[in-house]
Amino acid sequence: MRKQKGFSLIELLIVVAIILIIAAIAIPNLLRARIAANESSAVSAIRTINTAQVSYQSAYPTVGYS
């Protein structure tokens, strides 16, 4: 009797299906993590701008203007 070398079509299809299921679960989580990172970066930038604005206001106060 001959030894089998390689995989059958059914085995390959099952493996591809499993990989697709794992990818379908993982991709939305990665996208959510990316969005959260972008939001965190934006909040950090706004805090930096606010700190610079307060620093500028204390260094150069508005005198005589309303």
PDB file of N, CA and C in Angstrom:
ATOM      1  N   MET A   1       0.820  -1.182   0.000  1.00  0.00           N
ATOM      2  CA  MET A   1       0.000   0.000   0.000  1.00  0.00           C
ATOM      3  C   MET A   1       0.869   1.253   0.000  1.00  0.00           C
ATOM      4  N   ARG A   2       0.435   2.266  -0.745  1.00  0.00           N
ATOM      5  CA  ARG A   2       1.193   3.523  -0.831  1.00  0.00           C
ATOM      6  C   ARG A   2       0.928   4.389   0.378  1.00  0.00           C
ATOM      7  N   LYS A   3       1.983   5.104   0.781  1.00  0.00           N
ATOM      8  CA  LYS A   3       1.804   6.092   1.842  1.00  0.00           C
ATOM      9  C   LYS A   3       1.270   7.365   1.223  1.00  0.00           C
ATOM     10  N   GLN A   4       0.386   8.023   1.955  1.00  0.00           N
ATOM     11  CA  GLN A   4      -0.141   9.294   1.470  1.00  0.00           C
ATOM     12  C   GLN A   4       0.879  10.387   1.721  1.00  0.00           C
ATOM     13  N   LYS A   5       1.100  11.195   0.697  1.00  0.00           N
ATOM     14  CA  LYS A   5       1.964  12.357   0.841  1.00  0.00           C
ATOM     15  C   LYS A   5       1.108  13.571   0.551  1.00  0.00           C
ATOM     16  N   GLY A   6       1.010  14.471   1.518  1.00  0.00           N
ATOM     17  CA  GLY A   6       0.224  15.680   1.309  1.00  0.00           C
ATOM     18  C   GLY A   6      -1.100  15.625   2.046  1.00  0.00           C
ATOM     19  N   PHE A   7      -1.917  16.619   1.760  1.00  0.00           N
ATOM     20  CA  PHE A   7      -3.199  16.759   2.436  1.00  0.00           C
ATOM     21  C   PHE A   7      -4.329  16.620   1.427  1.00  0.00           C
ATOM     22  N   SER A   8      -5.466  16.179   1.928  1.00  0.00           N
ATOM     23  CA  SER A   8      -6.631  16.089   1.047  1.00  0.00           C
ATOM     24  C   SER A   8      -7.287  17.463   0.935  1.00  0.00           C
ATOM     25  N   LEU A   9      -8.148  17.594  -0.035  1.00  0.00           N
ATOM     26  CA  LEU A   9      -8.839  18.861  -0.265  1.00  0.00           C
ATOM     27  C   LEU A   9      -9.699  19.239   0.934  1.00  0.00           C
ATOM     28  N   ILE A  10     -10.354  18.281   1.530  1.00  0.00           N
ATOM     29  CA  ILE A  10     -11.213  18.546   2.690  1.00  0.00           C
ATOM     30  C   ILE A  10     -10.384  19.086   3.853  1.00  0.00           C
ATOM     31  N   GLU A  11      -9.229  18.497   4.094  1.00  0.00           N
ATOM     32  CA  GLU A  11      -8.366  18.979   5.180  1.00  0.00           C
ATOM     33  C   GLU A  11      -7.935  20.421   4.935  1.00  0.00           C
ATOM     34  N   LEU A  12      -7.567  20.727   3.716  1.00  0.00           N
ATOM     35  CA  LEU A  12      -7.153  22.096   3.394  1.00  0.00           C
ATOM     36  C   LEU A  12      -8.314  23.076   3.540  1.00  0.00           C
ATOM     37  N   LEU A  13      -9.499  22.691   3.111  1.00  0.00           N
ATOM     38  CA  LEU A  13     -10.666  23.566   3.242  1.00  0.00           C
ATOM     39  C   LEU A  13     -11.018  23.819   4.703  1.00  0.00           C
ATOM     40  N   ILE A  14     -10.896  22.806   5.524  1.00  0.00           N
ATOM     41  CA  ILE A  14     -11.176  22.974   6.953  1.00  0.00           C
ATOM     42  C   ILE A  14     -10.180  23.942   7.578  1.00  0.00           C
ATOM     43  N   VAL A  15      -8.909  23.807   7.245  1.00  0.00           N
ATOM     44  CA  VAL A  15      -7.886  24.707   7.785  1.00  0.00           C
ATOM     45  C   VAL A  15      -8.133  26.138   7.323  1.00  0.00           C
ATOM     46  N   VAL A  16      -8.461  26.323   6.062  1.00  0.00           N
ATOM     47  CA  VAL A  16      -8.745  27.670   5.548  1.00  0.00           C
ATOM     48  C   VAL A  16      -9.966  28.257   6.251  1.00  0.00           C
ATOM     49  N   ALA A  17     -10.990  27.456   6.476  1.00  0.00           N
ATOM     50  CA  ALA A  17     -12.189  27.937   7.170  1.00  0.00           C
ATOM     51  C   ALA A  17     -11.864  28.357   8.597  1.00  0.00           C
ATOM     52  N   ILE A  18     -11.045  27.586   9.280  1.00  0.00           N
ATOM     53  CA  ILE A  18     -10.652  27.934  10.651  1.00  0.00           C
ATOM     54  C   ILE A  18      -9.868  29.239  10.666  1.00  0.00           C
ATOM     55  N   ILE A  19      -8.955  29.404   9.734  1.00  0.00           N
ATOM     56  CA  ILE A  19      -8.171  30.646   9.654  1.00  0.00           C
ATOM     57  C   ILE A  19      -9.083  31.837   9.389  1.00  0.00           C
ATOM     58  N   LEU A  20     -10.059  31.683   8.506  1.00  0.00           N
ATOM     59  CA  LEU A  20     -10.994  32.774   8.215  1.00  0.00           C
ATOM     60  C   LEU A  20     -11.847  33.131   9.428  1.00  0.00           C
ATOM     61  N   ILE A  21     -12.264  32.140  10.180  1.00  0.00           N
ATOM     62  CA  ILE A  21     -13.057  32.408  11.387  1.00  0.00           C
ATOM     63  C   ILE A  21     -12.223  33.171  12.408  1.00  0.00           C
ATOM     64  N   ILE A  22     -10.990  32.750  12.603  1.00  0.00           N
ATOM     65  CA  ILE A  22     -10.106  33.449  13.546  1.00  0.00           C
ATOM     66  C   ILE A  22      -9.861  34.878  13.085  1.00  0.00           C
ATOM     67  N   ALA A  23      -9.650  35.073  11.794  1.00  0.00           N
ATOM     68  CA  ALA A  23      -9.432  36.425  11.261  1.00  0.00           C
ATOM     69  C   ALA A  23     -10.681  37.281  11.431  1.00  0.00           C
ATOM     70  N   ALA A  24     -11.848  36.705  11.230  1.00  0.00           N
ATOM     71  CA  ALA A  24     -13.095  37.460  11.382  1.00  0.00           C
ATOM     72  C   ALA A  24     -13.302  37.908  12.824  1.00  0.00           C
ATOM     73  N   ILE A  25     -12.794  37.143  13.759  1.00  0.00           N
ATOM     74  CA  ILE A  25     -12.898  37.526  15.169  1.00  0.00           C
ATOM     75  C   ILE A  25     -11.832  38.553  15.531  1.00  0.00           C
ATOM     76  N   ALA A  26     -10.629  38.402  15.008  1.00  0.00           N
ATOM     77  CA  ALA A  26      -9.500  39.240  15.420  1.00  0.00           C
ATOM     78  C   ALA A  26      -9.499  40.622  14.779  1.00  0.00           C
ATOM     79  N   ILE A  27      -9.908  40.749  13.539  1.00  0.00           N
ATOM     80  CA  ILE A  27      -9.800  42.028  12.821  1.00  0.00           C
ATOM     81  C   ILE A  27     -10.629  43.136  13.479  1.00  0.00           C
ATOM     82  N   PRO A  28     -11.879  42.918  13.864  1.00  0.00           N
ATOM     83  CA  PRO A  28     -12.616  44.003  14.536  1.00  0.00           C
ATOM     84  C   PRO A  28     -11.956  44.453  15.839  1.00  0.00           C
ATOM     85  N   ASN A  29     -11.389  43.510  16.584  1.00  0.00           N
ATOM     86  CA  ASN A  29     -10.698  43.879  17.823  1.00  0.00           C
ATOM     87  C   ASN A  29      -9.484  44.747  17.531  1.00  0.00           C
ATOM     88  N   LEU A  30      -8.750  44.429  16.492  1.00  0.00           N
ATOM     89  CA  LEU A  30      -7.588  45.235  16.130  1.00  0.00           C
ATOM     90  C   LEU A  30      -8.006  46.627  15.684  1.00  0.00           C
ATOM     91  N   LEU A  31      -9.096  46.717  14.942  1.00  0.00           N
ATOM     92  CA  LEU A  31      -9.581  48.025  14.503  1.00  0.00           C
ATOM     93  C   LEU A  31     -10.028  48.865  15.694  1.00  0.00           C
ATOM     94  N   ARG A  32     -10.707  48.235  16.663  1.00  0.00           N
ATOM     95  CA  ARG A  32     -11.126  48.957  17.862  1.00  0.00           C
ATOM     96  C   ARG A  32      -9.920  49.456  18.642  1.00  0.00           C
ATOM     97  N   ALA A  33      -8.887  48.651  18.735  1.00  0.00           N
ATOM     98  CA  ALA A  33      -7.676  49.063  19.446  1.00  0.00           C
ATOM     99  C   ALA A  33      -7.011  50.231  18.737  1.00  0.00           C
ATOM    100  N   ARG A  34      -7.020  50.223  17.422  1.00  0.00           N
ATOM    101  CA  ARG A  34      -6.428  51.326  16.660  1.00  0.00           C
ATOM    102  C   ARG A  34      -7.209  52.615  16.869  1.00  0.00           C
ATOM    103  N   ILE A  35      -8.524  52.530  16.869  1.00  0.00           N
ATOM    104  CA  ILE A  35      -9.359  53.709  17.104  1.00  0.00           C
ATOM    105  C   ILE A  35      -9.110  54.259  18.502  1.00  0.00           C
ATOM    106  N   ALA A  36      -9.028  53.379  19.485  1.00  0.00           N
ATOM    107  CA  ALA A  36      -8.766  53.823  20.856  1.00  0.00           C
ATOM    108  C   ALA A  36      -7.408  54.502  20.959  1.00  0.00           C
ATOM    109  N   ALA A  37      -6.416  53.989  20.259  1.00  0.00           N
ATOM    110  CA  ALA A  37      -5.087  54.609  20.272  1.00  0.00           C
ATOM    111  C   ALA A  37      -5.123  55.986  19.624  1.00  0.00           C
ATOM    112  N   ASN A  38      -5.859  56.129  18.529  1.00  0.00           N
ATOM    113  CA  ASN A  38      -5.988  57.438  17.878  1.00  0.00           C
ATOM    114  C   ASN A  38      -6.699  58.434  18.786  1.00  0.00           C
ATOM    115  N   GLU A  39      -7.744  57.993  19.475  1.00  0.00           N
ATOM    116  CA  GLU A  39      -8.457  58.877  20.395  1.00  0.00           C
ATOM    117  C   GLU A  39      -7.553  59.302  21.545  1.00  0.00           C
ATOM    118  N   SER A  40      -6.784  58.381  22.067  1.00  0.00           N
ATOM    119  CA  SER A  40      -5.854  58.699  23.149  1.00  0.00           C
ATOM    120  C   SER A  40      -4.807  59.700  22.693  1.00  0.00           C
ATOM    121  N   SER A  41      -4.319  59.542  21.490  1.00  0.00           N
ATOM    122  CA  SER A  41      -3.339  60.478  20.938  1.00  0.00           C
ATOM    123  C   SER A  41      -3.945  61.863  20.767  1.00  0.00           C
ATOM    124  N   ALA A  42      -5.192  61.932  20.326  1.00  0.00           N
ATOM    125  CA  ALA A  42      -5.863  63.223  20.153  1.00  0.00           C
ATOM    126  C   ALA A  42      -6.072  63.916  21.493  1.00  0.00           C
ATOM    127  N   VAL A  43      -6.473  63.170  22.510  1.00  0.00           N
ATOM    128  CA  VAL A  43      -6.657  63.746  23.847  1.00  0.00           C
ATOM    129  C   VAL A  43      -5.335  64.279  24.372  1.00  0.00           C
ATOM    130  N   SER A  44      -4.266  63.548  24.159  1.00  0.00           N
ATOM    131  CA  SER A  44      -2.940  63.997  24.592  1.00  0.00           C
ATOM    132  C   SER A  44      -2.536  65.283  23.886  1.00  0.00           C
ATOM    133  N   ALA A  45      -2.806  65.376  22.600  1.00  0.00           N
ATOM    134  CA  ALA A  45      -2.471  66.589  21.848  1.00  0.00           C
ATOM    135  C   ALA A  45      -3.277  67.779  22.349  1.00  0.00           C
ATOM    136  N   ILE A  46      -4.549  67.572  22.659  1.00  0.00           N
ATOM    137  CA  ILE A  46      -5.384  68.659  23.172  1.00  0.00           C
ATOM    138  C   ILE A  46      -4.884  69.120  24.535  1.00  0.00           C
ATOM    139  N   ARG A  47      -4.474  68.183  25.381  1.00  0.00           N
ATOM    140  CA  ARG A  47      -3.921  68.565  26.691  1.00  0.00           C
ATOM    141  C   ARG A  47      -2.645  69.377  26.524  1.00  0.00           C
ATOM    142  N   THR A  48      -1.801  68.997  25.583  1.00  0.00           N
ATOM    143  CA  THR A  48      -0.565  69.737  25.325  1.00  0.00           C
ATOM    144  C   THR A  48      -0.874  71.149  24.846  1.00  0.00           C
ATOM    145  N   ILE A  49      -1.834  71.280  23.963  1.00  0.00           N
ATOM    146  CA  ILE A  49      -2.229  72.605  23.468  1.00  0.00           C
ATOM    147  C   ILE A  49      -2.781  73.447  24.611  1.00  0.00           C
ATOM    148  N   ASN A  50      -3.597  72.848  25.469  1.00  0.00           N
ATOM    149  CA  ASN A  50      -4.165  73.570  26.601  1.00  0.00           C
ATOM    150  C   ASN A  50      -3.063  74.040  27.548  1.00  0.00           C
ATOM    151  N   THR A  51      -2.096  73.194  27.828  1.00  0.00           N
ATOM    152  CA  THR A  51      -0.983  73.568  28.701  1.00  0.00           C
ATOM    153  C   THR A  51      -0.191  74.715  28.099  1.00  0.00           C
ATOM    154  N   ALA A  52       0.059  74.658  26.804  1.00  0.00           N
ATOM    155  CA  ALA A  52       0.790  75.738  26.135  1.00  0.00           C
ATOM    156  C   ALA A  52      -0.006  77.035  26.176  1.00  0.00           C
ATOM    157  N   GLN A  53      -1.302  76.950  26.017  1.00  0.00           N
ATOM    158  CA  GLN A  53      -2.150  78.143  26.057  1.00  0.00           C
ATOM    159  C   GLN A  53      -2.134  78.775  27.446  1.00  0.00           C
ATOM    160  N   VAL A  54      -2.244  77.976  28.482  1.00  0.00           N
ATOM    161  CA  VAL A  54      -2.205  78.493  29.855  1.00  0.00           C
ATOM    162  C   VAL A  54      -0.847  79.110  30.141  1.00  0.00           C
ATOM    163  N   SER A  55       0.210  78.470  29.694  1.00  0.00           N
ATOM    164  CA  SER A  55       1.560  79.005  29.884  1.00  0.00           C
ATOM    165  C   SER A  55       1.723  80.342  29.175  1.00  0.00           C
ATOM    166  N   TYR A  56       1.222  80.446  27.967  1.00  0.00           N
ATOM    167  CA  TYR A  56       1.301  81.698  27.206  1.00  0.00           C
ATOM    168  C   TYR A  56       0.496  82.792  27.902  1.00  0.00           C
ATOM    169  N   GLN A  57      -0.710  82.449  28.377  1.00  0.00           N
ATOM    170  CA  GLN A  57      -1.554  83.425  29.070  1.00  0.00           C
ATOM    171  C   GLN A  57      -0.865  83.956  30.317  1.00  0.00           C
ATOM    172  N   SER A  58      -0.171  83.097  31.048  1.00  0.00           N
ATOM    173  CA  SER A  58       0.500  83.565  32.264  1.00  0.00           C
ATOM    174  C   SER A  58       1.740  84.383  31.928  1.00  0.00           C
ATOM    175  N   ALA A  59       2.394  84.100  30.824  1.00  0.00           N
ATOM    176  CA  ALA A  59       3.593  84.853  30.440  1.00  0.00           C
ATOM    177  C   ALA A  59       3.232  86.187  29.806  1.00  0.00           C
ATOM    178  N   TYR A  60       2.157  86.238  29.056  1.00  0.00           N
ATOM    179  CA  TYR A  60       1.742  87.456  28.358  1.00  0.00           C
ATOM    180  C   TYR A  60       0.276  87.757  28.680  1.00  0.00           C
ATOM    181  N   PRO A  61       0.012  88.297  29.870  1.00  0.00           N
ATOM    182  CA  PRO A  61      -1.389  88.573  30.227  1.00  0.00           C
ATOM    183  C   PRO A  61      -1.952  89.705  29.374  1.00  0.00           C
ATOM    184  N   THR A  62      -3.241  89.655  29.175  1.00  0.00           N
ATOM    185  CA  THR A  62      -3.899  90.719  28.416  1.00  0.00           C
ATOM    186  C   THR A  62      -4.135  91.894  29.355  1.00  0.00           C
ATOM    187  N   VAL A  63      -3.502  93.016  29.046  1.00  0.00           N
ATOM    188  CA  VAL A  63      -3.619  94.203  29.886  1.00  0.00           C
ATOM    189  C   VAL A  63      -4.436  95.239  29.125  1.00  0.00           C
ATOM    190  N   GLY A  64      -5.524  95.664  29.714  1.00  0.00           N
ATOM    191  CA  GLY A  64      -6.323  96.710  29.122  1.00  0.00           C
ATOM    192  C   GLY A  64      -7.305  96.249  28.073  1.00  0.00           C
ATOM    193  N   TYR A  65      -7.374  94.979  27.804  1.00  0.00           N
ATOM    194  CA  TYR A  65      -8.329  94.472  26.817  1.00  0.00           C
ATOM    195  C   TYR A  65      -9.366  93.615  27.526  1.00  0.00           C
ATOM    196  N   SER A  66     -10.552  93.614  26.986  1.00  0.00           N
ATOM    197  CA  SER A  66     -11.601  92.807  27.602  1.00  0.00           C
ATOM    198  C   SER A  66     -11.852  91.565  26.799  1.00  0.00           C
TER     199      SER A  66
END
